[in-house]
Protein backbone atom coordinates (compact mmCIF):
# COMPACT_ATOMS: atom_id res chain seq x y z
CA MET A 1 -2.61 -21.79 14.89
CA GLN A 2 -4.89 -19.47 16.85
CA GLN A 3 -4.86 -21.84 19.83
CA ILE A 4 -1.06 -21.86 19.83
CA ILE A 5 -0.98 -18.07 19.73
CA GLU A 6 -3.46 -17.79 22.58
CA SER A 7 -1.19 -19.94 24.74
CA MET A 8 1.66 -17.42 24.35
CA PRO A 9 2.19 -14.43 26.68
CA PRO A 10 -0.04 -11.51 25.58
CA GLU A 11 2.91 -9.12 25.69
CA LEU A 12 4.81 -11.21 23.14
CA ILE A 13 1.76 -11.50 20.89
CA ASN A 14 1.26 -7.72 20.89
CA THR A 15 4.95 -7.05 20.25
CA LEU A 16 5.05 -9.35 17.23
CA GLY A 17 1.65 -8.26 15.94
CA PHE A 18 0.27 -11.80 16.04
CA GLU A 19 -3.17 -10.90 17.45
CA THR A 20 -5.00 -11.96 14.29
CA ILE A 21 -2.60 -14.55 12.91
CA GLY A 22 -5.44 -17.07 12.70
CA SER A 23 -6.87 -15.16 9.71
CA GLY A 24 -5.38 -15.07 6.23
CA ALA A 25 -4.57 -11.37 6.42
CA GLY A 26 -3.17 -11.72 9.94
CA TYR A 27 -0.99 -14.68 8.99
CA THR A 28 0.38 -13.01 5.86
CA HIS A 29 1.13 -9.79 7.72
CA GLY A 30 2.64 -11.50 10.78
CA THR A 31 4.92 -13.81 8.81
CA PHE A 32 5.91 -11.77 5.74
CA PHE A 33 5.03 -8.08 5.77
CA GLY A 34 5.68 -7.46 9.46
CA LEU A 35 8.68 -9.73 9.88
CA ILE A 36 10.56 -11.65 7.16
CA GLY A 37 9.84 -9.31 4.26
CA PHE A 38 10.46 -6.26 6.42
CA VAL A 39 13.84 -7.53 7.64
CA LEU A 40 15.05 -8.70 4.23
CA LEU A 41 14.08 -5.53 2.38
CA VAL A 42 15.57 -3.25 5.04
CA ILE A 43 18.84 -5.22 4.91
CA ALA A 44 18.88 -4.95 1.11
CA THR A 45 18.08 -1.24 0.84
CA THR A 46 20.40 -0.27 3.66
CA SER A 47 23.20 -2.15 1.92
CA TRP A 48 22.42 -0.50 -1.43
CA GLY A 49 22.13 2.95 0.13
CA SER A 50 25.35 2.76 2.13
CA ALA A 51 27.30 1.34 -0.82
CA ALA A 52 26.07 3.81 -3.44
CA ILE A 53 27.87 6.90 -2.15
CA ALA A 54 29.80 6.15 1.05
CA GLY A 55 31.02 2.77 -0.17
CA ALA A 56 31.96 4.22 -3.56
CA GLU A 57 33.83 7.05 -1.86
CA GLU A 58 35.79 4.72 0.39
CA SER A 59 36.79 2.56 -2.56
CA GLY A 60 37.74 5.54 -4.75
CA HIS A 61 35.06 4.81 -7.36
CA LEU A 62 33.05 7.94 -6.57
CA GLU A 63 35.96 10.31 -7.20
CA LEU A 64 36.69 8.47 -10.46
CA ALA A 65 33.07 8.75 -11.62
CA LEU A 66 32.93 12.47 -10.81
CA ALA A 67 36.22 13.03 -12.60
CA HIS A 68 34.68 11.63 -15.79
CA GLY A 69 32.03 14.32 -16.01
CA VAL A 70 29.23 12.80 -13.94
CA GLY A 71 27.58 15.58 -11.96
CA ARG A 72 27.18 15.18 -8.22
CA GLY A 73 23.47 15.86 -8.36
CA GLN A 74 23.11 13.35 -11.20
CA TYR A 75 25.06 10.72 -9.28
CA ALA A 76 22.92 11.17 -6.16
CA ALA A 77 19.65 11.15 -8.13
CA GLU A 78 20.59 8.07 -10.12
CA SER A 79 21.67 6.27 -6.94
CA THR A 80 18.22 6.93 -5.49
CA LEU A 81 16.49 5.78 -8.67
CA SER A 82 18.58 2.61 -8.67
CA ILE A 83 17.37 1.74 -5.17
CA LEU A 84 13.79 2.60 -6.13
CA ALA A 85 13.87 0.48 -9.31
CA ARG A 86 15.11 -2.59 -7.44
CA LEU A 87 12.50 -2.07 -4.74
CA VAL A 88 9.70 -1.81 -7.29
CA TRP A 89 10.93 -5.02 -8.92
CA LEU A 90 11.04 -6.89 -5.61
CA GLY A 91 7.65 -5.49 -4.65
CA ALA A 92 6.16 -6.72 -7.92
CA ILE A 93 7.58 -10.20 -7.32
CA ALA A 94 6.21 -10.27 -3.76
CA THR A 95 2.78 -9.15 -4.97
CA ALA A 96 2.69 -11.80 -7.68
CA LEU A 97 3.76 -14.61 -5.34
CA ILE A 98 1.22 -13.69 -2.66
CA LEU A 99 -1.60 -13.46 -5.20
CA VAL A 100 -0.61 -16.82 -6.71
CA LEU A 101 -0.74 -18.42 -3.24
CA ASN A 102 -3.87 -16.56 -2.18
CA GLU A 103 -6.42 -19.12 -3.37
CA PRO A 104 -4.48 -22.38 -2.78
CA ALA A 105 -3.56 -21.28 0.77
CA GLU A 106 -7.12 -20.01 1.42
CA LEU A 107 -5.80 -16.65 2.60
CA ASP A 108 -8.87 -14.78 1.30
CA LEU A 109 -6.86 -11.62 0.61
CA ASN A 110 -8.17 -8.68 -1.37
CA PRO A 111 -5.74 -8.08 -4.31
CA GLY A 112 -6.03 -4.31 -3.90
CA ASN A 113 -5.13 -4.59 -0.22
CA VAL A 114 -2.12 -6.74 -1.10
CA ILE A 115 -0.86 -4.04 -3.48
CA ALA A 116 -1.44 -1.35 -0.81
CA THR A 117 0.51 -3.35 1.77
CA VAL A 118 3.38 -3.98 -0.64
CA ALA A 119 3.47 -0.22 -1.26
CA ALA A 120 3.74 0.30 2.52
CA LEU A 121 6.50 -2.32 2.85
CA THR A 122 8.54 -0.93 -0.02
CA GLY A 123 8.03 2.61 1.30
CA LEU A 124 9.36 1.49 4.67
CA ALA A 125 12.39 -0.10 3.03
CA PHE A 126 12.90 2.93 0.77
CA LEU A 127 13.08 5.13 3.85
CA SER A 128 15.92 3.02 5.30
CA GLY A 129 17.70 3.10 1.97
CA THR A 130 17.48 6.87 1.61
CA VAL A 131 18.60 7.40 5.21
CA ALA A 132 21.69 5.31 4.45
CA LEU A 133 22.18 7.23 1.20
CA ALA A 134 21.88 10.66 2.85
CA ILE A 135 24.13 9.81 5.80
CA GLY A 136 26.63 8.28 3.41
CA ALA A 137 26.64 11.50 1.38
CA LEU A 138 27.08 13.53 4.57
CA THR A 139 29.87 11.47 6.18
CA GLY A 140 31.47 9.43 3.42
CA ARG A 141 31.58 6.46 5.80
CA ARG A 142 29.79 3.28 4.86
CA SER A 143 29.68 1.93 8.41
CA VAL A 144 27.96 5.08 9.67
CA ALA A 145 25.48 5.01 6.78
CA THR A 146 24.68 1.34 7.46
CA VAL A 147 24.04 1.97 11.14
CA ALA A 148 21.77 4.91 10.30
CA GLY A 149 19.74 3.02 7.70
CA ALA A 150 19.26 -0.03 9.88
CA GLY A 151 18.80 2.13 12.97
CA ILE A 152 15.73 3.96 11.65
CA ALA A 153 14.07 0.60 10.99
CA VAL A 154 14.98 -0.86 14.38
CA VAL A 155 13.94 2.25 16.30
CA GLY A 156 10.67 2.43 14.38
CA TYR A 157 9.91 -1.21 15.17
CA MET A 158 10.75 -0.70 18.85
CA LEU A 159 8.59 2.41 19.19
CA ASN A 160 5.65 0.57 17.67
CA ALA A 161 6.23 -2.44 19.95
CA ILE A 162 6.35 -0.23 23.05
CA ALA A 163 3.14 1.51 21.97
CA ASN A 164 1.50 -1.92 21.59
CA GLN A 165 2.49 -2.78 25.15
CA VAL A 166 1.68 0.46 26.98
CA SER A 167 -1.51 2.30 26.12
CA ASP A 168 -0.26 5.50 27.80
CA VAL A 169 2.49 5.93 25.19
CA GLU A 170 0.50 5.21 22.03
CA ALA A 171 1.64 8.60 20.78
CA LEU A 172 5.02 6.97 20.06
CA ARG A 173 3.47 5.55 16.90
CA ALA A 174 3.53 9.04 15.41
CA ALA A 175 7.34 8.82 15.37
CA SER A 176 7.51 5.22 14.11
CA PRO A 177 7.88 4.57 10.37
CA TYR A 178 6.84 0.98 11.07
CA ALA A 179 3.55 2.29 12.46
CA TRP A 180 3.13 4.63 9.50
CA ALA A 181 3.19 1.54 7.30
CA TYR A 182 1.08 -0.89 9.32
CA GLN A 183 -0.84 0.86 12.10
CA HIS A 184 -4.12 0.80 10.17
CA ASN A 185 -3.67 -2.76 8.87
CA PRO A 186 -3.72 -2.13 5.10
CA LEU A 187 -3.81 -5.86 4.31
CA ARG A 188 -7.19 -6.11 6.01
CA ASP A 189 -8.64 -2.61 5.65
CA GLY A 190 -7.02 -1.21 2.51
CA ALA A 191 -4.56 1.57 1.79
CA ASP A 192 -3.65 4.05 4.51
CA TRP A 193 -2.92 7.07 2.35
CA GLY A 194 -1.64 9.15 5.25
CA GLY A 195 0.92 6.52 6.20
CA LEU A 196 2.01 6.04 2.59
CA LEU A 197 2.43 9.80 2.19
CA LEU A 198 4.63 9.95 5.29
CA LEU A 199 6.83 7.04 4.18
CA TRP A 200 7.32 8.03 0.57
CA GLY A 201 7.41 11.74 1.36
CA ALA A 202 10.16 11.26 3.92
CA GLY A 203 12.10 9.15 1.43
CA ALA A 204 11.76 11.85 -1.24
CA VAL A 205 12.94 14.55 1.18
CA LEU A 206 15.98 12.46 2.11
CA ALA A 207 16.73 11.88 -1.57
CA GLY A 208 16.69 15.63 -2.13
CA LEU A 209 18.89 16.16 0.92
CA THR A 210 21.37 13.68 -0.52
CA VAL A 211 21.70 15.78 -3.66
CA VAL A 212 22.27 18.97 -1.67
CA VAL A 213 24.80 17.43 0.71
CA LEU A 214 26.83 15.68 -1.98
CA ARG A 215 27.09 18.90 -4.00
CA ARG A 216 28.54 20.81 -1.07
CA ARG A 217 30.89 18.36 0.61
CA ASP A 218 34.51 17.69 -0.30
CA ILE A 219 35.00 14.14 -1.57
CA VAL A 220 37.81 12.17 0.04
CA GLY A 221 39.50 9.97 -2.57
């Protein structure tokens, strides 16, 4: 595997984060955490976030729920908790599967590092979900919320990829949620508490913003 990677253009290797794919941690990060798992969870949370408020408003379900005594703040908070609960469940499944495969696949992964990396992945996905939720509460348009939720993930990935390519713009990582999650390689080196704080803190702020915005905006039935 390492020989195949070394035959590829260095720019492509750096962009995909495949520099250490010959190791167990590098392979697991390059194939799941940095690519497949990242894409699938962002798609899921963006869909949940855009549907919870904006989608419900477009279909008329939101106005109906509010008319039956459900508070706006309660609706926004419970929508956030719903996304979070599903993410925690998926994260637990991912952790269990990786740990089950750890020994048979000879990945040599530290279980604590696996948990830390799953926390980073789910935090990254939670950020996309809460962006979609907040923009949906602000605009009432599911398409706009979907673009925003997916956009933060795509832009974050691109900023990190550019920083990997050009050493003069490494500061771009400071604005990349993808870099907040993976810059310090938690699967190999353990939890990056600063990155986790940024990811989950930003998600919490957006969740609070969703409550404020939904309370103040007129709902279009």
